Amino acid sequence: MSRTNRQPRSRRSRVLRAGVSGVVLVAAFIIPLRTTGCMERLFYYPTRAETVPPPELAGAESVWFDSADGTRLHGWFIPAEGGTAGDVAGPAAATILHVHGNAGNIESHVWFTGFLPRAGFNLFIFDFRGYGRSEGGARRRGPLIADTHAAVDALLARSDVDAARLGMYAQSLGGAIGLNVMADRHELASCVAVSAFTSWRDIAADSVGGGRAGPFSRLLARMLIRDDHRADVAIARIDRPVLVIHGTDDRIVPVRHARRLAEAGPTAELVELDGGDHNDMRSTHPEIDRLVIEFFRRTLH
């Protein structure tokens, strides 16, 4: 064989070896990140606190309860206005479980639902593990879903909660978590999902793509992020009323996530608030309070 024939083959072999080596190196980097959950930890921005002052709402009670693995969790039970925690006299008010969003803890997130006790609803807001005074650390979605199941159980164990009139308010990250819990817990009669995303992989791709997922960001998200417990899959299993609320100018979770959730949910209804952003719709669109109150009054009788 001539030298001129050997050279192209040699170059092709070097290119092939380099390509294989590159794939091996990428796999060696990506597979541990995906399997150990390191990348998923970037979803959670908890604010820890030795003490969390109670909200300026009458009758707020500090509550401690355990998740399935024994992790100690903290929350507040705030009775409907005019009632007192532990008081079972008269017909019990409907109760709303608030599953909060990502950053901060219950001290900042109670603003989203603080109007409900004044409207005649009991309110229970709790911190996932790693947030506020709750023990543990937020690293994976599975334990946070388990924490929310434990919050449902804690409410059902109370004598001042009417188990037949239990609803959920779930915002942003809490929407993805809460819809997965509601799909398995028929005790939850209805849900308001605000600014929620369809799946961890979808929102990661949007984030990498600057708000609009492209081929590269989708590929990267597929390689790095597990996609179990999708909210759009969970909502498809829910046969109770779900109100999906989203701002059209949401810069964190694009409104198309809400549209896909509403399309997937057989009992879901969608309300888009024109110009609404992710965290300030109660300020910019005060009608959201009325929408939530009317929905819960209608669905929790």
Foldseek 3Di string as FASTA:
>chain_A
DDPVVVVVVVVVVVVVVVVVVVVVVVCVVQVVLAVVLVVVLVQAAADEDQDQDDDPAPQWDKDWFAFPVGWIWIKIKGAAPPDHFQDQPDPFFFEEEEQEDHYAFCNVGVVVPVCVSPLGYIYMYIGQDCHYHTHDRDRDLVSSLRVVVRVLVVQVPGPRHDLLRYAYEAEAVRLLSVLQNQLVDVSHQEYEYELYAFWPLVLQQCVVVQNDHDPVSSVVSVSHYDTPSGSLVSLLSHPHEYEYEYECPARRRHCVRSVSSQVSHPRYDYDYDYPDYRPQCCPVPVCVVVVVSVVSVVRSD
